[in-house]
Amino acid sequence: MTDDQARPEWPEETVPILRVSEASAALRWYERLGFEEEWTHRFTPTSPAFVSIRRGSPGTGVRIFLSEHRGDAQPDGLLYLRVTDVAPVAAAFGAEIHDSGARHEVSLVDPDGNRVRVGSLTGRSEPGYSYPDAG
């Protein structure tokens, strides 16, 4: 690329990396949460996989990197996923919905022991929390 050509840009975002032992099994599990594979990278055909998954519209939404590389992330990670309605997630996983006042949440564990908390707002206030208007 020359200096006079425009460089493509990514939107700023944070992408958690979760350690997985088998990326294809992890991908199947995360698909139940509405994620889809964006791409997979391997240095060689037998190298560990590094997979980008996304939930939401292309170029936006939520991304997670799933890595079979031992040095990329510690096992037993934790992430929090905000969704519009947690009820379909709870139904898909047979999980109990916990009512914490301002949020409804479910707690899940992926095949590699990574914990995933999924929550949606209830519209009720909760002492100690304030949420900005979404508008």
C-alpha atoms as a PDB file:
ATOM      1  CA  MET A   1       0.000   0.000   0.000  1.00  0.00           C
ATOM      2  CA  THR A   2       1.325   3.425  -0.873  1.00  0.00           C
ATOM      3  CA  ASP A   3       1.042   6.508   1.342  1.00  0.00           C
ATOM      4  CA  ASP A   4      -1.584   8.053  -0.947  1.00  0.00           C
ATOM      5  CA  GLN A   5      -3.938   5.061  -0.633  1.00  0.00           C
ATOM      6  CA  ALA A   6      -6.517   5.112   2.132  1.00  0.00           C
ATOM      7  CA  ARG A   7      -5.887   2.604   4.885  1.00  0.00           C
ATOM      8  CA  PRO A   8      -8.954   0.608   5.963  1.00  0.00           C
ATOM      9  CA  GLU A   9     -10.042   1.235   9.535  1.00  0.00           C
ATOM     10  CA  TRP A  10     -11.639  -0.901  12.199  1.00  0.00           C
ATOM     11  CA  PRO A  11     -14.135   0.526  14.642  1.00  0.00           C
ATOM     12  CA  GLU A  12     -12.684   0.732  18.147  1.00  0.00           C
ATOM     13  CA  GLU A  13     -13.789  -2.168  20.297  1.00  0.00           C
ATOM     14  CA  THR A  14     -12.626  -4.571  22.956  1.00  0.00           C
ATOM     15  CA  VAL A  15     -12.511  -8.225  21.901  1.00  0.00           C
ATOM     16  CA  PRO A  16     -12.118 -10.774  24.703  1.00  0.00           C
ATOM     17  CA  ILE A  17     -10.019 -13.840  23.963  1.00  0.00           C
ATOM     18  CA  LEU A  18     -11.172 -17.127  25.478  1.00  0.00           C
ATOM     19  CA  ARG A  19      -8.999 -20.236  25.706  1.00  0.00           C
ATOM     20  CA  VAL A  20     -10.662 -23.272  24.146  1.00  0.00           C
ATOM     21  CA  SER A  21      -9.402 -26.799  23.646  1.00  0.00           C
ATOM     22  CA  GLU A  22     -11.370 -27.495  20.460  1.00  0.00           C
ATOM     23  CA  ALA A  23     -12.477 -24.443  18.489  1.00  0.00           C
ATOM     24  CA  SER A  24     -15.084 -26.314  16.439  1.00  0.00           C
ATOM     25  CA  ALA A  25     -16.862 -27.568  19.595  1.00  0.00           C
ATOM     26  CA  ALA A  26     -16.695 -24.105  21.161  1.00  0.00           C
ATOM     27  CA  LEU A  27     -18.076 -22.556  17.974  1.00  0.00           C
ATOM     28  CA  ARG A  28     -21.080 -24.910  18.038  1.00  0.00           C
ATOM     29  CA  TRP A  29     -21.751 -23.915  21.670  1.00  0.00           C
ATOM     30  CA  TYR A  30     -21.466 -20.161  20.974  1.00  0.00           C
ATOM     31  CA  GLU A  31     -23.746 -20.492  17.939  1.00  0.00           C
ATOM     32  CA  ARG A  32     -26.515 -21.317  20.441  1.00  0.00           C
ATOM     33  CA  LEU A  33     -25.915 -17.803  21.860  1.00  0.00           C
ATOM     34  CA  GLY A  34     -26.395 -16.281  18.407  1.00  0.00           C
ATOM     35  CA  PHE A  35     -22.707 -16.025  17.433  1.00  0.00           C
ATOM     36  CA  GLU A  36     -21.407 -16.944  13.998  1.00  0.00           C
ATOM     37  CA  GLU A  37     -17.923 -17.566  12.698  1.00  0.00           C
ATOM     38  CA  GLU A  38     -16.283 -14.628  10.937  1.00  0.00           C
ATOM     39  CA  TRP A  39     -12.957 -16.301  10.155  1.00  0.00           C
ATOM     40  CA  THR A  40     -10.481 -18.921  11.340  1.00  0.00           C
ATOM     41  CA  HIS A  41      -6.694 -18.621  11.223  1.00  0.00           C
ATOM     42  CA  ARG A  42      -4.078 -21.389  11.447  1.00  0.00           C
ATOM     43  CA  PHE A  43      -0.380 -20.879  10.759  1.00  0.00           C
ATOM     44  CA  THR A  44      -0.315 -24.359   9.179  1.00  0.00           C
ATOM     45  CA  PRO A  45      -3.101 -26.896   8.583  1.00  0.00           C
ATOM     46  CA  THR A  46      -2.199 -28.676  11.851  1.00  0.00           C
ATOM     47  CA  SER A  47      -1.588 -25.545  13.969  1.00  0.00           C
ATOM     48  CA  PRO A  48      -3.988 -24.513  16.742  1.00  0.00           C
ATOM     49  CA  ALA A  49      -6.996 -22.524  15.570  1.00  0.00           C
ATOM     50  CA  PHE A  50      -7.715 -18.862  16.292  1.00  0.00           C
ATOM     51  CA  VAL A  51     -11.359 -18.066  15.522  1.00  0.00           C
ATOM     52  CA  SER A  52     -13.294 -14.801  15.402  1.00  0.00           C
ATOM     53  CA  ILE A  53     -16.996 -15.090  16.207  1.00  0.00           C
ATOM     54  CA  ARG A  54     -19.564 -12.305  16.035  1.00  0.00           C
ATOM     55  CA  ARG A  55     -23.095 -11.728  17.302  1.00  0.00           C
ATOM     56  CA  GLY A  56     -24.969  -8.932  15.511  1.00  0.00           C
ATOM     57  CA  SER A  57     -24.595  -7.119  12.230  1.00  0.00           C
ATOM     58  CA  PRO A  58     -21.365  -7.346  10.217  1.00  0.00           C
ATOM     59  CA  GLY A  59     -18.958  -4.605  11.275  1.00  0.00           C
ATOM     60  CA  THR A  60     -20.845  -4.086  14.538  1.00  0.00           C
ATOM     61  CA  GLY A  61     -22.181  -6.229  17.315  1.00  0.00           C
ATOM     62  CA  VAL A  62     -20.169  -8.297  19.766  1.00  0.00           C
ATOM     63  CA  ARG A  63     -16.963 -10.188  18.945  1.00  0.00           C
ATOM     64  CA  ILE A  64     -15.099 -12.910  20.802  1.00  0.00           C
ATOM     65  CA  PHE A  65     -11.846 -14.573  19.777  1.00  0.00           C
ATOM     66  CA  LEU A  66     -11.617 -18.291  20.556  1.00  0.00           C
ATOM     67  CA  SER A  67      -8.040 -19.513  20.778  1.00  0.00           C
ATOM     68  CA  GLU A  68      -6.566 -22.990  20.948  1.00  0.00           C
ATOM     69  CA  HIS A  69      -3.139 -21.371  21.511  1.00  0.00           C
ATOM     70  CA  ARG A  70      -2.057 -22.074  25.098  1.00  0.00           C
ATOM     71  CA  GLY A  71      -0.350 -18.726  25.647  1.00  0.00           C
ATOM     72  CA  ASP A  72      -3.218 -16.512  24.448  1.00  0.00           C
ATOM     73  CA  ALA A  73      -5.542 -16.696  27.429  1.00  0.00           C
ATOM     74  CA  GLN A  74      -5.956 -18.425  30.750  1.00  0.00           C
ATOM     75  CA  PRO A  75      -8.528 -21.204  31.058  1.00  0.00           C
ATOM     76  CA  ASP A  76     -11.753 -20.501  32.939  1.00  0.00           C
ATOM     77  CA  GLY A  77     -12.352 -16.980  31.624  1.00  0.00           C
ATOM     78  CA  LEU A  78     -15.415 -14.890  32.380  1.00  0.00           C
ATOM     79  CA  LEU A  79     -17.360 -12.561  30.114  1.00  0.00           C
ATOM     80  CA  TYR A  80     -20.597 -10.645  30.415  1.00  0.00           C
ATOM     81  CA  LEU A  81     -22.896 -10.461  27.390  1.00  0.00           C
ATOM     82  CA  ARG A  82     -25.582  -7.768  27.316  1.00  0.00           C
ATOM     83  CA  VAL A  83     -28.644  -8.676  25.258  1.00  0.00           C
ATOM     84  CA  THR A  84     -32.055  -7.135  24.663  1.00  0.00           C
ATOM     85  CA  ASP A  85     -33.933 -10.125  26.115  1.00  0.00           C
ATOM     86  CA  VAL A  86     -32.309 -12.894  28.132  1.00  0.00           C
ATOM     87  CA  ALA A  87     -35.391 -15.187  28.005  1.00  0.00           C
ATOM     88  CA  PRO A  88     -34.535 -16.809  24.622  1.00  0.00           C
ATOM     89  CA  VAL A  89     -30.996 -17.530  25.859  1.00  0.00           C
ATOM     90  CA  ALA A  90     -32.341 -19.085  29.057  1.00  0.00           C
ATOM     91  CA  ALA A  91     -34.740 -21.229  27.015  1.00  0.00           C
ATOM     92  CA  ALA A  92     -32.022 -22.355  24.576  1.00  0.00           C
ATOM     93  CA  PHE A  93     -29.789 -23.518  27.424  1.00  0.00           C
ATOM     94  CA  GLY A  94     -32.439 -24.608  29.939  1.00  0.00           C
ATOM     95  CA  ALA A  95     -30.970 -22.052  32.366  1.00  0.00           C
ATOM     96  CA  GLU A  96     -32.714 -20.389  35.276  1.00  0.00           C
ATOM     97  CA  ILE A  97     -33.175 -16.623  35.021  1.00  0.00           C
ATOM     98  CA  HIS A  98     -31.937 -14.747  38.085  1.00  0.00           C
ATOM     99  CA  ASP A  99     -33.775 -11.506  38.879  1.00  0.00           C
ATOM    100  CA  SER A 100     -31.332  -9.023  40.403  1.00  0.00           C
ATOM    101  CA  GLY A 101     -33.712  -6.073  40.323  1.00  0.00           C
ATOM    102  CA  ALA A 102     -32.455  -3.972  37.419  1.00  0.00           C
ATOM    103  CA  ARG A 103     -31.276  -6.997  35.417  1.00  0.00           C
ATOM    104  CA  HIS A 104     -32.372 -10.480  34.501  1.00  0.00           C
ATOM    105  CA  GLU A 105     -29.340 -12.759  34.138  1.00  0.00           C
ATOM    106  CA  VAL A 106     -28.398 -16.336  33.339  1.00  0.00           C
ATOM    107  CA  SER A 107     -25.073 -17.944  34.142  1.00  0.00           C
ATOM    108  CA  LEU A 108     -23.628 -20.395  31.630  1.00  0.00           C
ATOM    109  CA  VAL A 109     -20.395 -22.375  31.295  1.00  0.00           C
ATOM    110  CA  ASP A 110     -18.967 -23.227  27.876  1.00  0.00           C
ATOM    111  CA  PRO A 111     -17.386 -26.629  27.075  1.00  0.00           C
ATOM    112  CA  ASP A 112     -13.966 -25.368  28.251  1.00  0.00           C
ATOM    113  CA  GLY A 113     -15.088 -23.969  31.604  1.00  0.00           C
ATOM    114  CA  ASN A 114     -15.294 -20.327  30.512  1.00  0.00           C
ATOM    115  CA  ARG A 115     -18.152 -18.635  32.333  1.00  0.00           C
ATOM    116  CA  VAL A 116     -20.617 -16.529  30.373  1.00  0.00           C
ATOM    117  CA  ARG A 117     -23.128 -14.322  32.161  1.00  0.00           C
ATOM    118  CA  VAL A 118     -25.899 -13.039  29.947  1.00  0.00           C
ATOM    119  CA  GLY A 119     -28.129 -10.194  31.063  1.00  0.00           C
ATOM    120  CA  SER A 120     -30.869  -7.831  29.998  1.00  0.00           C
ATOM    121  CA  LEU A 121     -32.356  -4.801  31.718  1.00  0.00           C
ATOM    122  CA  THR A 122     -35.703  -5.091  33.510  1.00  0.00           C
ATOM    123  CA  GLY A 123     -36.555  -1.390  33.542  1.00  0.00           C
ATOM    124  CA  ARG A 124     -36.539  -1.371  37.345  1.00  0.00           C
ATOM    125  CA  SER A 125     -33.999   0.614  39.327  1.00  0.00           C
ATOM    126  CA  GLU A 126     -31.488  -1.017  41.630  1.00  0.00           C
ATOM    127  CA  PRO A 127     -29.723   0.718  44.529  1.00  0.00           C
ATOM    128  CA  GLY A 128     -26.148   1.628  43.651  1.00  0.00           C
ATOM    129  CA  TYR A 129     -26.619   1.402  39.881  1.00  0.00           C
ATOM    130  CA  SER A 130     -27.480   4.028  37.332  1.00  0.00           C
ATOM    131  CA  TYR A 131     -27.879   3.364  33.634  1.00  0.00           C
ATOM    132  CA  PRO A 132     -27.652   6.071  30.974  1.00  0.00           C
ATOM    133  CA  ASP A 133     -30.631   6.570  28.718  1.00  0.00           C
ATOM    134  CA  ALA A 134     -30.408   4.395  25.634  1.00  0.00           C
ATOM    135  CA  GLY A 135     -32.007   7.105  23.472  1.00  0.00           C
END
